[in-house]
Amino acid sequence: MSSVNYSLNRKGVRLISSSDAWIIGKNGKKRLNPKYHFVGKVEMSMPNMIVTASDKKKPNYRGDVSELPRPAKRQIVDHFFDENGKRNRKTVAYFGIEKSSE
């Protein structure tokens, strides 16, 4: 079992749009939202690969989209395509777990 399949089968992993994943800090720089624990990201430049999501490190290969469970694949299709089956303008999606507020 790959690390992607294991990570995405964990409870609470969902697809997060890039507008929710990135926030602008006080100094004006963009950074990943600390509200989420990011598992990986999918880019349309490499649509069959999942890489790590980090704003500090170089992305590493995490796995292949074909290894994902069916609900995760459905979330990807719903994110990148509209209801008519046409491609929308979104280019990146993130997989993450919302951190508890404890």
N, C-alpha and C. Protein backbone atom coordinates (compact mmCIF):
# COMPACT_ATOMS: atom_id res chain seq x y z
N MET A 1 0.85 -1.18 0.00
CA MET A 1 0.00 0.00 0.00
C MET A 1 0.89 1.24 0.00
N SER A 2 0.59 2.18 -0.87
CA SER A 2 1.43 3.37 -0.98
C SER A 2 1.13 4.35 0.15
N SER A 3 2.02 5.31 0.32
CA SER A 3 1.83 6.30 1.37
C SER A 3 0.65 7.22 1.05
N VAL A 4 0.39 7.47 -0.24
CA VAL A 4 -0.75 8.32 -0.61
C VAL A 4 -2.05 7.65 -0.24
N ASN A 5 -2.18 6.38 -0.59
CA ASN A 5 -3.42 5.67 -0.30
C ASN A 5 -3.65 5.61 1.21
N TYR A 6 -2.60 5.38 1.97
CA TYR A 6 -2.73 5.33 3.42
C TYR A 6 -3.15 6.69 3.96
N SER A 7 -2.51 7.74 3.50
CA SER A 7 -2.79 9.08 4.01
C SER A 7 -4.19 9.54 3.65
N LEU A 8 -4.64 9.24 2.44
CA LEU A 8 -5.94 9.73 1.99
C LEU A 8 -7.09 8.88 2.50
N ASN A 9 -6.81 7.71 3.03
CA ASN A 9 -7.87 6.91 3.64
C ASN A 9 -8.11 7.31 5.08
N ARG A 10 -7.26 8.17 5.62
CA ARG A 10 -7.45 8.62 7.00
C ARG A 10 -8.71 9.45 7.11
N LYS A 11 -9.27 9.46 8.28
CA LYS A 11 -10.53 10.17 8.50
C LYS A 11 -10.35 11.68 8.34
N GLY A 12 -11.22 12.29 7.58
CA GLY A 12 -11.24 13.73 7.45
C GLY A 12 -10.45 14.31 6.30
N VAL A 13 -9.77 13.50 5.50
CA VAL A 13 -9.02 14.04 4.37
C VAL A 13 -10.00 14.47 3.30
N ARG A 14 -9.83 15.72 2.84
CA ARG A 14 -10.71 16.22 1.79
C ARG A 14 -9.92 17.10 0.85
N LEU A 15 -10.54 17.42 -0.27
CA LEU A 15 -9.90 18.27 -1.26
C LEU A 15 -10.12 19.73 -0.88
N ILE A 16 -9.06 20.52 -0.93
CA ILE A 16 -9.11 21.94 -0.55
C ILE A 16 -8.67 22.76 -1.75
N SER A 17 -9.44 23.77 -2.10
CA SER A 17 -9.06 24.62 -3.23
C SER A 17 -7.87 25.49 -2.83
N SER A 18 -7.16 25.97 -3.82
CA SER A 18 -5.97 26.77 -3.53
C SER A 18 -6.32 28.10 -2.87
N SER A 19 -7.52 28.63 -3.13
CA SER A 19 -7.91 29.88 -2.48
C SER A 19 -8.09 29.70 -0.98
N ASP A 20 -8.48 28.51 -0.53
CA ASP A 20 -8.59 28.22 0.90
C ASP A 20 -7.26 27.77 1.50
N ALA A 21 -6.39 27.19 0.68
CA ALA A 21 -5.13 26.64 1.18
C ALA A 21 -4.09 27.71 1.48
N TRP A 22 -4.09 28.80 0.74
CA TRP A 22 -3.10 29.85 0.92
C TRP A 22 -3.70 31.06 1.60
N ILE A 23 -2.96 31.65 2.54
CA ILE A 23 -3.38 32.89 3.18
C ILE A 23 -2.23 33.89 3.08
N ILE A 24 -2.57 35.16 3.19
CA ILE A 24 -1.56 36.21 3.15
C ILE A 24 -1.25 36.63 4.58
N GLY A 25 0.01 36.57 4.96
CA GLY A 25 0.43 36.91 6.31
C GLY A 25 0.50 38.42 6.50
N LYS A 26 0.89 38.82 7.70
CA LYS A 26 0.99 40.23 8.04
C LYS A 26 2.05 40.95 7.22
N ASN A 27 3.09 40.23 6.83
CA ASN A 27 4.16 40.84 6.05
C ASN A 27 3.85 40.85 4.54
N GLY A 28 2.71 40.33 4.14
CA GLY A 28 2.30 40.35 2.74
C GLY A 28 2.68 39.12 1.95
N LYS A 29 3.39 38.19 2.58
CA LYS A 29 3.79 36.97 1.88
C LYS A 29 2.71 35.90 2.02
N LYS A 30 2.58 35.08 0.98
CA LYS A 30 1.63 33.97 1.03
C LYS A 30 2.26 32.79 1.76
N ARG A 31 1.42 32.09 2.52
CA ARG A 31 1.86 30.87 3.20
C ARG A 31 0.67 29.92 3.29
N LEU A 32 0.98 28.65 3.51
CA LEU A 32 -0.09 27.66 3.63
C LEU A 32 -0.88 27.91 4.91
N ASN A 33 -2.16 27.69 4.83
CA ASN A 33 -3.07 27.94 5.93
C ASN A 33 -2.76 26.98 7.09
N PRO A 34 -2.45 27.50 8.28
CA PRO A 34 -2.14 26.61 9.40
C PRO A 34 -3.38 25.89 9.96
N LYS A 35 -4.54 26.20 9.44
CA LYS A 35 -5.77 25.56 9.87
C LYS A 35 -5.85 24.11 9.37
N TYR A 36 -5.04 23.77 8.37
CA TYR A 36 -5.07 22.44 7.76
C TYR A 36 -3.72 21.75 7.90
N HIS A 37 -3.76 20.41 7.97
CA HIS A 37 -2.56 19.59 7.84
C HIS A 37 -2.60 19.05 6.41
N PHE A 38 -1.65 19.48 5.57
CA PHE A 38 -1.68 19.12 4.16
C PHE A 38 -1.01 17.78 3.92
N VAL A 39 -1.70 16.93 3.16
CA VAL A 39 -1.20 15.61 2.82
C VAL A 39 -0.49 15.65 1.47
N GLY A 40 -1.05 16.37 0.51
CA GLY A 40 -0.45 16.46 -0.81
C GLY A 40 -1.22 17.40 -1.70
N LYS A 41 -0.75 17.54 -2.94
CA LYS A 41 -1.44 18.39 -3.89
C LYS A 41 -1.41 17.77 -5.28
N VAL A 42 -2.38 18.16 -6.10
CA VAL A 42 -2.50 17.72 -7.48
C VAL A 42 -2.44 18.97 -8.34
N GLU A 43 -1.57 18.98 -9.34
CA GLU A 43 -1.48 20.10 -10.27
C GLU A 43 -1.87 19.61 -11.65
N MET A 44 -2.48 20.49 -12.43
CA MET A 44 -2.89 20.10 -13.77
C MET A 44 -1.70 20.02 -14.72
N SER A 45 -0.55 20.58 -14.37
CA SER A 45 0.64 20.40 -15.20
C SER A 45 1.13 18.96 -15.15
N MET A 46 0.87 18.27 -14.02
CA MET A 46 1.18 16.84 -13.86
C MET A 46 -0.03 16.18 -13.21
N PRO A 47 -1.11 15.95 -13.96
CA PRO A 47 -2.37 15.53 -13.35
C PRO A 47 -2.39 14.11 -12.78
N ASN A 48 -1.41 13.28 -13.10
CA ASN A 48 -1.43 11.92 -12.59
C ASN A 48 -0.57 11.72 -11.36
N MET A 49 0.09 12.78 -10.88
CA MET A 49 0.98 12.66 -9.73
C MET A 49 0.47 13.47 -8.56
N ILE A 50 0.71 12.96 -7.36
CA ILE A 50 0.44 13.70 -6.13
C ILE A 50 1.79 13.97 -5.49
N VAL A 51 2.04 15.25 -5.18
CA VAL A 51 3.30 15.64 -4.56
C VAL A 51 2.99 16.26 -3.20
N THR A 52 4.02 16.37 -2.37
CA THR A 52 3.83 16.97 -1.06
C THR A 52 3.52 18.45 -1.21
N ALA A 53 2.74 18.98 -0.29
CA ALA A 53 2.38 20.39 -0.30
C ALA A 53 3.15 21.09 0.79
N SER A 54 4.04 21.98 0.41
CA SER A 54 4.83 22.72 1.38
C SER A 54 5.21 24.06 0.78
N ASP A 55 5.24 25.08 1.61
CA ASP A 55 5.66 26.39 1.12
C ASP A 55 7.14 26.64 1.38
N LYS A 56 7.84 25.71 2.02
CA LYS A 56 9.25 25.90 2.34
C LYS A 56 10.17 24.92 1.62
N LYS A 57 9.72 23.71 1.37
CA LYS A 57 10.57 22.68 0.80
C LYS A 57 10.20 22.41 -0.66
N LYS A 58 11.13 21.79 -1.34
CA LYS A 58 10.88 21.34 -2.70
C LYS A 58 9.88 20.19 -2.65
N PRO A 59 8.86 20.17 -3.53
CA PRO A 59 7.87 19.09 -3.48
C PRO A 59 8.48 17.73 -3.78
N ASN A 60 8.03 16.72 -3.08
CA ASN A 60 8.46 15.34 -3.28
C ASN A 60 7.29 14.52 -3.80
N TYR A 61 7.61 13.47 -4.53
CA TYR A 61 6.60 12.58 -5.08
C TYR A 61 5.94 11.80 -3.95
N ARG A 62 4.61 11.77 -3.93
CA ARG A 62 3.87 11.04 -2.89
C ARG A 62 3.15 9.82 -3.45
N GLY A 63 2.79 9.84 -4.71
CA GLY A 63 2.09 8.70 -5.27
C GLY A 63 1.37 9.06 -6.55
N ASP A 64 0.59 8.12 -7.01
CA ASP A 64 -0.12 8.26 -8.28
C ASP A 64 -1.61 8.40 -8.02
N VAL A 65 -2.29 9.14 -8.86
CA VAL A 65 -3.73 9.36 -8.69
C VAL A 65 -4.50 8.05 -8.85
N SER A 66 -3.96 7.11 -9.64
CA SER A 66 -4.66 5.84 -9.83
C SER A 66 -4.75 5.04 -8.54
N GLU A 67 -3.90 5.33 -7.55
CA GLU A 67 -3.91 4.62 -6.27
C GLU A 67 -4.94 5.16 -5.29
N LEU A 68 -5.59 6.27 -5.65
CA LEU A 68 -6.55 6.90 -4.74
C LEU A 68 -7.86 6.13 -4.69
N PRO A 69 -8.58 6.22 -3.59
CA PRO A 69 -9.91 5.62 -3.53
C PRO A 69 -10.88 6.41 -4.40
N ARG A 70 -12.00 5.79 -4.72
CA ARG A 70 -12.98 6.38 -5.62
C ARG A 70 -13.51 7.74 -5.16
N PRO A 71 -13.83 7.95 -3.87
CA PRO A 71 -14.32 9.28 -3.46
C PRO A 71 -13.29 10.39 -3.70
N ALA A 72 -12.01 10.10 -3.52
CA ALA A 72 -10.98 11.10 -3.76
C ALA A 72 -10.88 11.45 -5.24
N LYS A 73 -10.99 10.45 -6.10
CA LYS A 73 -10.99 10.71 -7.54
C LYS A 73 -12.20 11.54 -7.95
N ARG A 74 -13.33 11.27 -7.35
CA ARG A 74 -14.55 12.03 -7.65
C ARG A 74 -14.39 13.49 -7.22
N GLN A 75 -13.75 13.73 -6.07
CA GLN A 75 -13.50 15.09 -5.62
C GLN A 75 -12.59 15.84 -6.59
N ILE A 76 -11.59 15.16 -7.13
CA ILE A 76 -10.68 15.79 -8.09
C ILE A 76 -11.44 16.19 -9.35
N VAL A 77 -12.25 15.30 -9.87
CA VAL A 77 -13.02 15.60 -11.09
C VAL A 77 -13.99 16.73 -10.82
N ASP A 78 -14.68 16.71 -9.70
CA ASP A 78 -15.62 17.78 -9.37
C ASP A 78 -14.92 19.12 -9.21
N HIS A 79 -13.68 19.11 -8.75
CA HIS A 79 -12.93 20.36 -8.54
C HIS A 79 -12.47 20.97 -9.86
N PHE A 80 -11.98 20.16 -10.77
CA PHE A 80 -11.37 20.67 -12.00
C PHE A 80 -12.34 20.79 -13.19
N PHE A 81 -13.54 20.24 -13.08
CA PHE A 81 -14.49 20.30 -14.19
C PHE A 81 -15.83 20.82 -13.69
N ASP A 82 -16.55 21.54 -14.56
CA ASP A 82 -17.87 22.05 -14.17
C ASP A 82 -18.93 20.98 -14.43
N GLU A 83 -20.19 21.35 -14.19
CA GLU A 83 -21.28 20.38 -14.30
C GLU A 83 -21.53 19.93 -15.74
N ASN A 84 -21.04 20.68 -16.73
CA ASN A 84 -21.21 20.30 -18.13
C ASN A 84 -20.05 19.47 -18.66
N GLY A 85 -19.08 19.17 -17.82
CA GLY A 85 -17.93 18.38 -18.23
C GLY A 85 -16.84 19.21 -18.87
N LYS A 86 -16.95 20.52 -18.80
CA LYS A 86 -15.95 21.41 -19.37
C LYS A 86 -14.90 21.73 -18.31
N ARG A 87 -13.68 21.92 -18.75
CA ARG A 87 -12.57 22.24 -17.87
C ARG A 87 -12.72 23.67 -17.36
N ASN A 88 -12.52 23.88 -16.05
CA ASN A 88 -12.59 25.24 -15.51
C ASN A 88 -11.18 25.80 -15.37
N ARG A 89 -11.05 26.97 -14.75
CA ARG A 89 -9.76 27.66 -14.68
C ARG A 89 -8.87 27.21 -13.53
N LYS A 90 -9.34 26.33 -12.67
CA LYS A 90 -8.56 25.89 -11.52
C LYS A 90 -7.40 25.00 -11.98
N THR A 91 -6.22 25.20 -11.39
CA THR A 91 -5.05 24.44 -11.81
C THR A 91 -4.42 23.61 -10.69
N VAL A 92 -4.72 23.91 -9.42
CA VAL A 92 -4.11 23.19 -8.30
C VAL A 92 -5.18 22.87 -7.26
N ALA A 93 -5.08 21.69 -6.68
CA ALA A 93 -5.95 21.31 -5.57
C ALA A 93 -5.08 20.63 -4.50
N TYR A 94 -5.46 20.78 -3.27
CA TYR A 94 -4.71 20.24 -2.14
C TYR A 94 -5.55 19.22 -1.39
N PHE A 95 -4.90 18.18 -0.88
CA PHE A 95 -5.54 17.24 0.02
C PHE A 95 -5.08 17.60 1.42
N GLY A 96 -6.04 17.75 2.34
CA GLY A 96 -5.67 18.12 3.70
C GLY A 96 -6.69 17.68 4.72
N ILE A 97 -6.28 17.76 5.98
CA ILE A 97 -7.12 17.43 7.12
C ILE A 97 -7.25 18.70 7.95
N GLU A 98 -8.47 19.05 8.28
CA GLU A 98 -8.69 20.23 9.12
C GLU A 98 -8.23 19.92 10.53
N LYS A 99 -7.38 20.78 11.08
CA LYS A 99 -6.88 20.58 12.44
C LYS A 99 -7.97 20.91 13.44
N SER A 100 -8.01 20.16 14.53
CA SER A 100 -8.99 20.44 15.56
C SER A 100 -8.60 21.71 16.31
N SER A 101 -9.60 22.39 16.86
CA SER A 101 -9.34 23.66 17.55
C SER A 101 -9.11 23.47 19.05
N GLU A 102 -8.62 22.32 19.43
CA GLU A 102 -8.37 22.03 20.84
C GLU A 102 -7.09 22.63 21.31
